[in-house]
Amino acid sequence: MTKEYRAKTFKSGNSVALRLPKGLGIREGEEMVLREDRGKFAFEPASKEGRKIDLTGIYGSIPGLARMPTDETDRDWGDGLGRD
């Protein structure tokens, strides 16, 4: 049987927020994905595997950091055992 919870929305800064009941078992700070389909909303925990960090905006901002070669033949992988 499906459990039903009721909650009211409230203003949080320039957003509208919805406080979720503790009984749902969602931990504080957990990232969620929210989907809307024809006026119905569904949410689920975000996949940690799909997370990517976009560093293109900071390229060139770290002095002394050399750009990685794009061709694998240019890379020096050493012997793979931590010894160069």
PDB file of N, CA and C in Angstrom:
ATOM      1  N   MET A   1       0.835  -1.179   0.000  1.00  0.00           N
ATOM      2  CA  MET A   1       0.000   0.000   0.000  1.00  0.00           C
ATOM      3  C   MET A   1       0.886   1.251   0.000  1.00  0.00           C
ATOM      4  N   THR A   2       0.520   2.241  -0.762  1.00  0.00           N
ATOM      5  CA  THR A   2       1.267   3.482  -0.849  1.00  0.00           C
ATOM      6  C   THR A   2       0.954   4.382   0.333  1.00  0.00           C
ATOM      7  N   LYS A   3       2.006   4.932   0.957  1.00  0.00           N
ATOM      8  CA  LYS A   3       1.803   5.890   2.053  1.00  0.00           C
ATOM      9  C   LYS A   3       1.581   7.266   1.447  1.00  0.00           C
ATOM     10  N   GLU A   4       0.765   8.044   2.101  1.00  0.00           N
ATOM     11  CA  GLU A   4       0.502   9.405   1.637  1.00  0.00           C
ATOM     12  C   GLU A   4       0.946  10.388   2.700  1.00  0.00           C
ATOM     13  N   TYR A   5       1.683  11.398   2.274  1.00  0.00           N
ATOM     14  CA  TYR A   5       2.141  12.469   3.159  1.00  0.00           C
ATOM     15  C   TYR A   5       1.597  13.785   2.622  1.00  0.00           C
ATOM     16  N   ARG A   6       1.345  14.710   3.497  1.00  0.00           N
ATOM     17  CA  ARG A   6       0.923  16.050   3.075  1.00  0.00           C
ATOM     18  C   ARG A   6       1.921  17.058   3.626  1.00  0.00           C
ATOM     19  N   ALA A   7       2.226  18.046   2.790  1.00  0.00           N
ATOM     20  CA  ALA A   7       3.156  19.096   3.197  1.00  0.00           C
ATOM     21  C   ALA A   7       2.781  20.373   2.463  1.00  0.00           C
ATOM     22  N   LYS A   8       3.082  21.508   3.071  1.00  0.00           N
ATOM     23  CA  LYS A   8       2.807  22.802   2.440  1.00  0.00           C
ATOM     24  C   LYS A   8       4.081  23.387   1.883  1.00  0.00           C
ATOM     25  N   THR A   9       3.942  24.106   0.801  1.00  0.00           N
ATOM     26  CA  THR A   9       5.083  24.825   0.239  1.00  0.00           C
ATOM     27  C   THR A   9       5.291  26.106   1.044  1.00  0.00           C
ATOM     28  N   PHE A  10       6.516  26.631   0.983  1.00  0.00           N
ATOM     29  CA  PHE A  10       6.822  27.892   1.649  1.00  0.00           C
ATOM     30  C   PHE A  10       7.886  28.625   0.849  1.00  0.00           C
ATOM     31  N   LYS A  11       7.987  29.917   1.069  1.00  0.00           N
ATOM     32  CA  LYS A  11       8.964  30.736   0.357  1.00  0.00           C
ATOM     33  C   LYS A  11      10.324  30.599   1.031  1.00  0.00           C
ATOM     34  N   SER A  12      11.350  30.382   0.202  1.00  0.00           N
ATOM     35  CA  SER A  12      12.722  30.283   0.685  1.00  0.00           C
ATOM     36  C   SER A  12      13.585  31.099  -0.263  1.00  0.00           C
ATOM     37  N   GLY A  13      13.918  32.327   0.157  1.00  0.00           N
ATOM     38  CA  GLY A  13      14.640  33.231  -0.741  1.00  0.00           C
ATOM     39  C   GLY A  13      13.752  33.587  -1.910  1.00  0.00           C
ATOM     40  N   ASN A  14      14.254  33.390  -3.138  1.00  0.00           N
ATOM     41  CA  ASN A  14      13.454  33.655  -4.334  1.00  0.00           C
ATOM     42  C   ASN A  14      12.840  32.372  -4.894  1.00  0.00           C
ATOM     43  N   SER A  15      12.811  31.319  -4.092  1.00  0.00           N
ATOM     44  CA  SER A  15      12.288  30.030  -4.529  1.00  0.00           C
ATOM     45  C   SER A  15      11.084  29.630  -3.694  1.00  0.00           C
ATOM     46  N   VAL A  16      10.387  28.626  -4.166  1.00  0.00           N
ATOM     47  CA  VAL A  16       9.332  27.988  -3.389  1.00  0.00           C
ATOM     48  C   VAL A  16       9.897  26.640  -2.968  1.00  0.00           C
ATOM     49  N   ALA A  17       9.775  26.315  -1.695  1.00  0.00           N
ATOM     50  CA  ALA A  17      10.350  25.073  -1.162  1.00  0.00           C
ATOM     51  C   ALA A  17       9.245  24.178  -0.621  1.00  0.00           C
ATOM     52  N   LEU A  18       9.570  22.909  -0.513  1.00  0.00           N
ATOM     53  CA  LEU A  18       8.658  21.933   0.053  1.00  0.00           C
ATOM     54  C   LEU A  18       9.425  21.134   1.092  1.00  0.00           C
ATOM     55  N   ARG A  19       8.985  21.177   2.328  1.00  0.00           N
ATOM     56  CA  ARG A  19       9.640  20.434   3.401  1.00  0.00           C
ATOM     57  C   ARG A  19       9.150  18.994   3.344  1.00  0.00           C
ATOM     58  N   LEU A  20      10.094  18.057   3.231  1.00  0.00           N
ATOM     59  CA  LEU A  20       9.734  16.641   3.125  1.00  0.00           C
ATOM     60  C   LEU A  20       9.764  15.991   4.503  1.00  0.00           C
ATOM     61  N   PRO A  21       8.771  15.162   4.809  1.00  0.00           N
ATOM     62  CA  PRO A  21       8.710  14.515   6.126  1.00  0.00           C
ATOM     63  C   PRO A  21       9.917  13.610   6.384  1.00  0.00           C
ATOM     64  N   LYS A  22      10.394  13.601   7.616  1.00  0.00           N
ATOM     65  CA  LYS A  22      11.525  12.775   8.015  1.00  0.00           C
ATOM     66  C   LYS A  22      11.245  11.292   7.768  1.00  0.00           C
ATOM     67  N   GLY A  23       9.985  10.914   7.825  1.00  0.00           N
ATOM     68  CA  GLY A  23       9.586   9.529   7.623  1.00  0.00           C
ATOM     69  C   GLY A  23       9.931   8.976   6.239  1.00  0.00           C
ATOM     70  N   LEU A  24      10.248   9.832   5.296  1.00  0.00           N
ATOM     71  CA  LEU A  24      10.644   9.374   3.962  1.00  0.00           C
ATOM     72  C   LEU A  24      12.065   8.828   3.949  1.00  0.00           C
ATOM     73  N   GLY A  25      12.842   9.139   4.974  1.00  0.00           N
ATOM     74  CA  GLY A  25      14.207   8.615   5.073  1.00  0.00           C
ATOM     75  C   GLY A  25      15.236   9.359   4.247  1.00  0.00           C
ATOM     76  N   ILE A  26      14.911  10.549   3.789  1.00  0.00           N
ATOM     77  CA  ILE A  26      15.859  11.343   2.999  1.00  0.00           C
ATOM     78  C   ILE A  26      16.777  12.089   3.962  1.00  0.00           C
ATOM     79  N   ARG A  27      18.094  11.981   3.711  1.00  0.00           N
ATOM     80  CA  ARG A  27      19.077  12.634   4.588  1.00  0.00           C
ATOM     81  C   ARG A  27      19.297  14.095   4.164  1.00  0.00           C
ATOM     82  N   GLU A  28      19.623  14.911   5.132  1.00  0.00           N
ATOM     83  CA  GLU A  28      19.925  16.326   4.880  1.00  0.00           C
ATOM     84  C   GLU A  28      21.107  16.444   3.919  1.00  0.00           C
ATOM     85  N   GLY A  29      20.991  17.319   2.928  1.00  0.00           N
ATOM     86  CA  GLY A  29      22.067  17.570   1.980  1.00  0.00           C
ATOM     87  C   GLY A  29      22.108  16.599   0.811  1.00  0.00           C
ATOM     88  N   GLU A  30      21.222  15.611   0.785  1.00  0.00           N
ATOM     89  CA  GLU A  30      21.203  14.633  -0.300  1.00  0.00           C
ATOM     90  C   GLU A  30      20.689  15.293  -1.580  1.00  0.00           C
ATOM     91  N   GLU A  31      21.418  15.108  -2.678  1.00  0.00           N
ATOM     92  CA  GLU A  31      21.015  15.693  -3.955  1.00  0.00           C
ATOM     93  C   GLU A  31      19.901  14.841  -4.572  1.00  0.00           C
ATOM     94  N   MET A  32      18.871  15.509  -5.060  1.00  0.00           N
ATOM     95  CA  MET A  32      17.712  14.820  -5.623  1.00  0.00           C
ATOM     96  C   MET A  32      17.481  15.282  -7.063  1.00  0.00           C
ATOM     97  N   VAL A  33      16.856  14.425  -7.854  1.00  0.00           N
ATOM     98  CA  VAL A  33      16.426  14.764  -9.208  1.00  0.00           C
ATOM     99  C   VAL A  33      14.913  14.887  -9.152  1.00  0.00           C
ATOM    100  N   LEU A  34      14.392  16.004  -9.661  1.00  0.00           N
ATOM    101  CA  LEU A  34      12.953  16.259  -9.662  1.00  0.00           C
ATOM    102  C   LEU A  34      12.468  16.271 -11.102  1.00  0.00           C
ATOM    103  N   ARG A  35      11.397  15.526 -11.379  1.00  0.00           N
ATOM    104  CA  ARG A  35      10.825  15.468 -12.725  1.00  0.00           C
ATOM    105  C   ARG A  35       9.368  15.923 -12.670  1.00  0.00           C
ATOM    106  N   GLU A  36       8.954  16.653 -13.710  1.00  0.00           N
ATOM    107  CA  GLU A  36       7.575  17.100 -13.830  1.00  0.00           C
ATOM    108  C   GLU A  36       7.007  16.502 -15.103  1.00  0.00           C
ATOM    109  N   ASP A  37       5.859  15.879 -14.998  1.00  0.00           N
ATOM    110  CA  ASP A  37       5.187  15.290 -16.155  1.00  0.00           C
ATOM    111  C   ASP A  37       3.711  15.631 -16.078  1.00  0.00           C
ATOM    112  N   ARG A  38       3.287  16.553 -16.912  1.00  0.00           N
ATOM    113  CA  ARG A  38       1.878  16.969 -16.992  1.00  0.00           C
ATOM    114  C   ARG A  38       1.298  17.342 -15.632  1.00  0.00           C
ATOM    115  N   GLY A  39       2.039  18.157 -14.888  1.00  0.00           N
ATOM    116  CA  GLY A  39       1.548  18.654 -13.610  1.00  0.00           C
ATOM    117  C   GLY A  39       1.770  17.723 -12.423  1.00  0.00           C
ATOM    118  N   LYS A  40       2.373  16.563 -12.652  1.00  0.00           N
ATOM    119  CA  LYS A  40       2.692  15.643 -11.556  1.00  0.00           C
ATOM    120  C   LYS A  40       4.196  15.646 -11.352  1.00  0.00           C
ATOM    121  N   PHE A  41       4.615  15.594 -10.102  1.00  0.00           N
ATOM    122  CA  PHE A  41       6.032  15.678  -9.769  1.00  0.00           C
ATOM    123  C   PHE A  41       6.502  14.360  -9.151  1.00  0.00           C
ATOM    124  N   ALA A  42       7.708  13.970  -9.499  1.00  0.00           N
ATOM    125  CA  ALA A  42       8.341  12.782  -8.923  1.00  0.00           C
ATOM    126  C   ALA A  42       9.778  13.148  -8.611  1.00  0.00           C
ATOM    127  N   PHE A  43      10.317  12.614  -7.530  1.00  0.00           N
ATOM    128  CA  PHE A  43      11.708  12.883  -7.191  1.00  0.00           C
ATOM    129  C   PHE A  43      12.376  11.605  -6.746  1.00  0.00           C
ATOM    130  N   GLU A  44      13.713  11.575  -6.941  1.00  0.00           N
ATOM    131  CA  GLU A  44      14.504  10.418  -6.544  1.00  0.00           C
ATOM    132  C   GLU A  44      15.931  10.876  -6.270  1.00  0.00           C
ATOM    133  N   PRO A  45      16.690  10.098  -5.509  1.00  0.00           N
ATOM    134  CA  PRO A  45      18.080  10.463  -5.260  1.00  0.00           C
ATOM    135  C   PRO A  45      18.856  10.541  -6.571  1.00  0.00           C
ATOM    136  N   ALA A  46      19.737  11.537  -6.671  1.00  0.00           N
ATOM    137  CA  ALA A  46      20.562  11.697  -7.870  1.00  0.00           C
ATOM    138  C   ALA A  46      21.624  10.611  -7.904  1.00  0.00           C
ATOM    139  N   SER A  47      21.917  10.140  -9.095  1.00  0.00           N
ATOM    140  CA  SER A  47      22.948   9.116  -9.276  1.00  0.00           C
ATOM    141  C   SER A  47      24.316   9.747  -9.054  1.00  0.00           C
ATOM    142  N   LYS A  48      25.132   9.130  -8.235  1.00  0.00           N
ATOM    143  CA  LYS A  48      26.471   9.644  -7.987  1.00  0.00           C
ATOM    144  C   LYS A  48      27.401   9.340  -9.156  1.00  0.00           C
ATOM    145  N   GLU A  49      27.103   8.276  -9.930  1.00  0.00           N
ATOM    146  CA  GLU A  49      27.946   7.915 -11.062  1.00  0.00           C
ATOM    147  C   GLU A  49      27.840   8.914 -12.197  1.00  0.00           C
ATOM    148  N   GLY A  50      26.678   9.542 -12.339  1.00  0.00           N
ATOM    149  CA  GLY A  50      26.468  10.450 -13.454  1.00  0.00           C
ATOM    150  C   GLY A  50      26.974  11.860 -13.220  1.00  0.00           C
ATOM    151  N   ARG A  51      27.498  12.124 -12.040  1.00  0.00           N
ATOM    152  CA  ARG A  51      27.959  13.474 -11.728  1.00  0.00           C
ATOM    153  C   ARG A  51      29.275  13.778 -12.414  1.00  0.00           C
ATOM    154  N   LYS A  52      29.338  14.919 -13.065  1.00  0.00           N
ATOM    155  CA  LYS A  52      30.559  15.364 -13.710  1.00  0.00           C
ATOM    156  C   LYS A  52      30.826  16.800 -13.281  1.00  0.00           C
ATOM    157  N   ILE A  53      32.077  17.138 -13.187  1.00  0.00           N
ATOM    158  CA  ILE A  53      32.469  18.498 -12.826  1.00  0.00           C
ATOM    159  C   ILE A  53      33.023  19.167 -14.065  1.00  0.00           C
ATOM    160  N   ASP A  54      32.481  20.321 -14.408  1.00  0.00           N
ATOM    161  CA  ASP A  54      32.930  21.065 -15.571  1.00  0.00           C
ATOM    162  C   ASP A  54      34.019  22.048 -15.141  1.00  0.00           C
ATOM    163  N   LEU A  55      35.249  21.791 -15.573  1.00  0.00           N
ATOM    164  CA  LEU A  55      36.380  22.637 -15.206  1.00  0.00           C
ATOM    165  C   LEU A  55      36.813  23.557 -16.342  1.00  0.00           C
ATOM    166  N   THR A  56      36.031  23.618 -17.417  1.00  0.00           N
ATOM    167  CA  THR A  56      36.436  24.431 -18.565  1.00  0.00           C
ATOM    168  C   THR A  56      36.538  25.913 -18.204  1.00  0.00           C
ATOM    169  N   GLY A  57      35.774  26.368 -17.239  1.00  0.00           N
ATOM    170  CA  GLY A  57      35.805  27.770 -16.865  1.00  0.00           C
ATOM    171  C   GLY A  57      37.060  28.194 -16.124  1.00  0.00           C
ATOM    172  N   ILE A  58      37.820  27.247 -15.585  1.00  0.00           N
ATOM    173  CA  ILE A  58      39.024  27.617 -14.847  1.00  0.00           C
ATOM    174  C   ILE A  58      40.301  27.294 -15.608  1.00  0.00           C
ATOM    175  N   TYR A  59      40.163  26.781 -16.847  1.00  0.00           N
ATOM    176  CA  TYR A  59      41.349  26.441 -17.631  1.00  0.00           C
ATOM    177  C   TYR A  59      42.256  27.662 -17.753  1.00  0.00           C
ATOM    178  N   GLY A  60      43.513  27.483 -17.476  1.00  0.00           N
ATOM    179  CA  GLY A  60      44.494  28.561 -17.598  1.00  0.00           C
ATOM    180  C   GLY A  60      44.587  29.466 -16.389  1.00  0.00           C
ATOM    181  N   SER A  61      43.793  29.214 -15.349  1.00  0.00           N
ATOM    182  CA  SER A  61      43.806  30.107 -14.185  1.00  0.00           C
ATOM    183  C   SER A  61      44.755  29.639 -13.091  1.00  0.00           C
ATOM    184  N   ILE A  62      45.389  28.479 -13.252  1.00  0.00           N
ATOM    185  CA  ILE A  62      46.303  27.967 -12.239  1.00  0.00           C
ATOM    186  C   ILE A  62      47.725  28.072 -12.775  1.00  0.00           C
ATOM    187  N   PRO A  63      48.531  28.981 -12.227  1.00  0.00           N
ATOM    188  CA  PRO A  63      49.893  29.161 -12.724  1.00  0.00           C
ATOM    189  C   PRO A  63      50.720  27.886 -12.560  1.00  0.00           C
ATOM    190  N   GLY A  64      51.483  27.545 -13.580  1.00  0.00           N
ATOM    191  CA  GLY A  64      52.369  26.397 -13.516  1.00  0.00           C
ATOM    192  C   GLY A  64      51.723  25.075 -13.869  1.00  0.00           C
ATOM    193  N   LEU A  65      50.413  25.057 -14.085  1.00  0.00           N
ATOM    194  CA  LEU A  65      49.731  23.820 -14.442  1.00  0.00           C
ATOM    195  C   LEU A  65      49.748  23.683 -15.956  1.00  0.00           C
ATOM    196  N   ALA A  66      50.412  22.649 -16.431  1.00  0.00           N
ATOM    197  CA  ALA A  66      50.527  22.442 -17.870  1.00  0.00           C
ATOM    198  C   ALA A  66      49.299  21.718 -18.405  1.00  0.00           C
ATOM    199  N   ARG A  67      48.939  22.016 -19.634  1.00  0.00           N
ATOM    200  CA  ARG A  67      47.824  21.367 -20.293  1.00  0.00           C
ATOM    201  C   ARG A  67      48.197  19.920 -20.615  1.00  0.00           C
ATOM    202  N   MET A  68      47.258  18.995 -20.393  1.00  0.00           N
ATOM    203  CA  MET A  68      47.515  17.594 -20.702  1.00  0.00           C
ATOM    204  C   MET A  68      47.494  17.399 -22.215  1.00  0.00           C
ATOM    205  N   PRO A  69      48.408  16.604 -22.738  1.00  0.00           N
ATOM    206  CA  PRO A  69      48.411  16.332 -24.174  1.00  0.00           C
ATOM    207  C   PRO A  69      47.125  15.630 -24.591  1.00  0.00           C
ATOM    208  N   THR A  70      46.658  15.914 -25.810  1.00  0.00           N
ATOM    209  CA  THR A  70      45.429  15.297 -26.283  1.00  0.00           C
ATOM    210  C   THR A  70      45.702  13.989 -27.003  1.00  0.00           C
ATOM    211  N   ASP A  71      46.928  13.766 -27.446  1.00  0.00           N
ATOM    212  CA  ASP A  71      47.288  12.538 -28.143  1.00  0.00           C
ATOM    213  C   ASP A  71      47.979  11.607 -27.157  1.00  0.00           C
ATOM    214  N   GLU A  72      47.520  10.362 -27.051  1.00  0.00           N
ATOM    215  CA  GLU A  72      48.082   9.432 -26.071  1.00  0.00           C
ATOM    216  C   GLU A  72      49.563   9.151 -26.289  1.00  0.00           C
ATOM    217  N   THR A  73      50.054   9.319 -27.502  1.00  0.00           N
ATOM    218  CA  THR A  73      51.472   9.055 -27.760  1.00  0.00           C
ATOM    219  C   THR A  73      52.353  10.094 -27.091  1.00  0.00           C
ATOM    220  N   ASP A  74      51.790  11.247 -26.740  1.00  0.00           N
ATOM    221  CA  ASP A  74      52.561  12.313 -26.097  1.00  0.00           C
ATOM    222  C   ASP A  74      52.678  12.105 -24.587  1.00  0.00           C
ATOM    223  N   ARG A  75      51.915  11.184 -24.019  1.00  0.00           N
ATOM    224  CA  ARG A  75      51.901  11.015 -22.574  1.00  0.00           C
ATOM    225  C   ARG A  75      52.993  10.050 -22.124  1.00  0.00           C
ATOM    226  N   ASP A  76      53.597  10.387 -20.981  1.00  0.00           N
ATOM    227  CA  ASP A  76      54.595   9.528 -20.382  1.00  0.00           C
ATOM    228  C   ASP A  76      53.944   8.825 -19.191  1.00  0.00           C
ATOM    229  N   TRP A  77      53.558   7.574 -19.354  1.00  0.00           N
ATOM    230  CA  TRP A  77      52.839   6.838 -18.324  1.00  0.00           C
ATOM    231  C   TRP A  77      53.803   6.148 -17.347  1.00  0.00           C
ATOM    232  N   GLY A  78      55.088   6.191 -17.572  1.00  0.00           N
ATOM    233  CA  GLY A  78      56.021   5.498 -16.698  1.00  0.00           C
ATOM    234  C   GLY A  78      55.809   4.002 -16.809  1.00  0.00           C
ATOM    235  N   ASP A  79      56.128   3.257 -15.768  1.00  0.00           N
ATOM    236  CA  ASP A  79      55.943   1.800 -15.822  1.00  0.00           C
ATOM    237  C   ASP A  79      54.645   1.362 -15.142  1.00  0.00           C
ATOM    238  N   GLY A  80      53.836   2.333 -14.671  1.00  0.00           N
ATOM    239  CA  GLY A  80      52.548   2.010 -14.059  1.00  0.00           C
ATOM    240  C   GLY A  80      52.664   1.558 -12.618  1.00  0.00           C
ATOM    241  N   LEU A  81      53.867   1.502 -12.071  1.00  0.00           N
ATOM    242  CA  LEU A  81      54.050   1.053 -10.686  1.00  0.00           C
ATOM    243  C   LEU A  81      54.462   2.187  -9.761  1.00  0.00           C
ATOM    244  N   GLY A  82      54.289   3.412 -10.243  1.00  0.00           N
ATOM    245  CA  GLY A  82      54.672   4.559  -9.419  1.00  0.00           C
ATOM    246  C   GLY A  82      56.142   4.880  -9.504  1.00  0.00           C
ATOM    247  N   ARG A  83      56.889   4.133 -10.322  1.00  0.00           N
ATOM    248  CA  ARG A  83      58.312   4.409 -10.523  1.00  0.00           C
ATOM    249  C   ARG A  83      58.490   4.948 -11.924  1.00  0.00           C
ATOM    250  N   ASP A  84      59.111   6.073 -12.060  1.00  0.00           N
ATOM    251  CA  ASP A  84      59.314   6.654 -13.398  1.00  0.00           C
ATOM    252  C   ASP A  84      60.605   6.280 -13.996  1.00  0.00           C
TER     253      ASP A  84
END
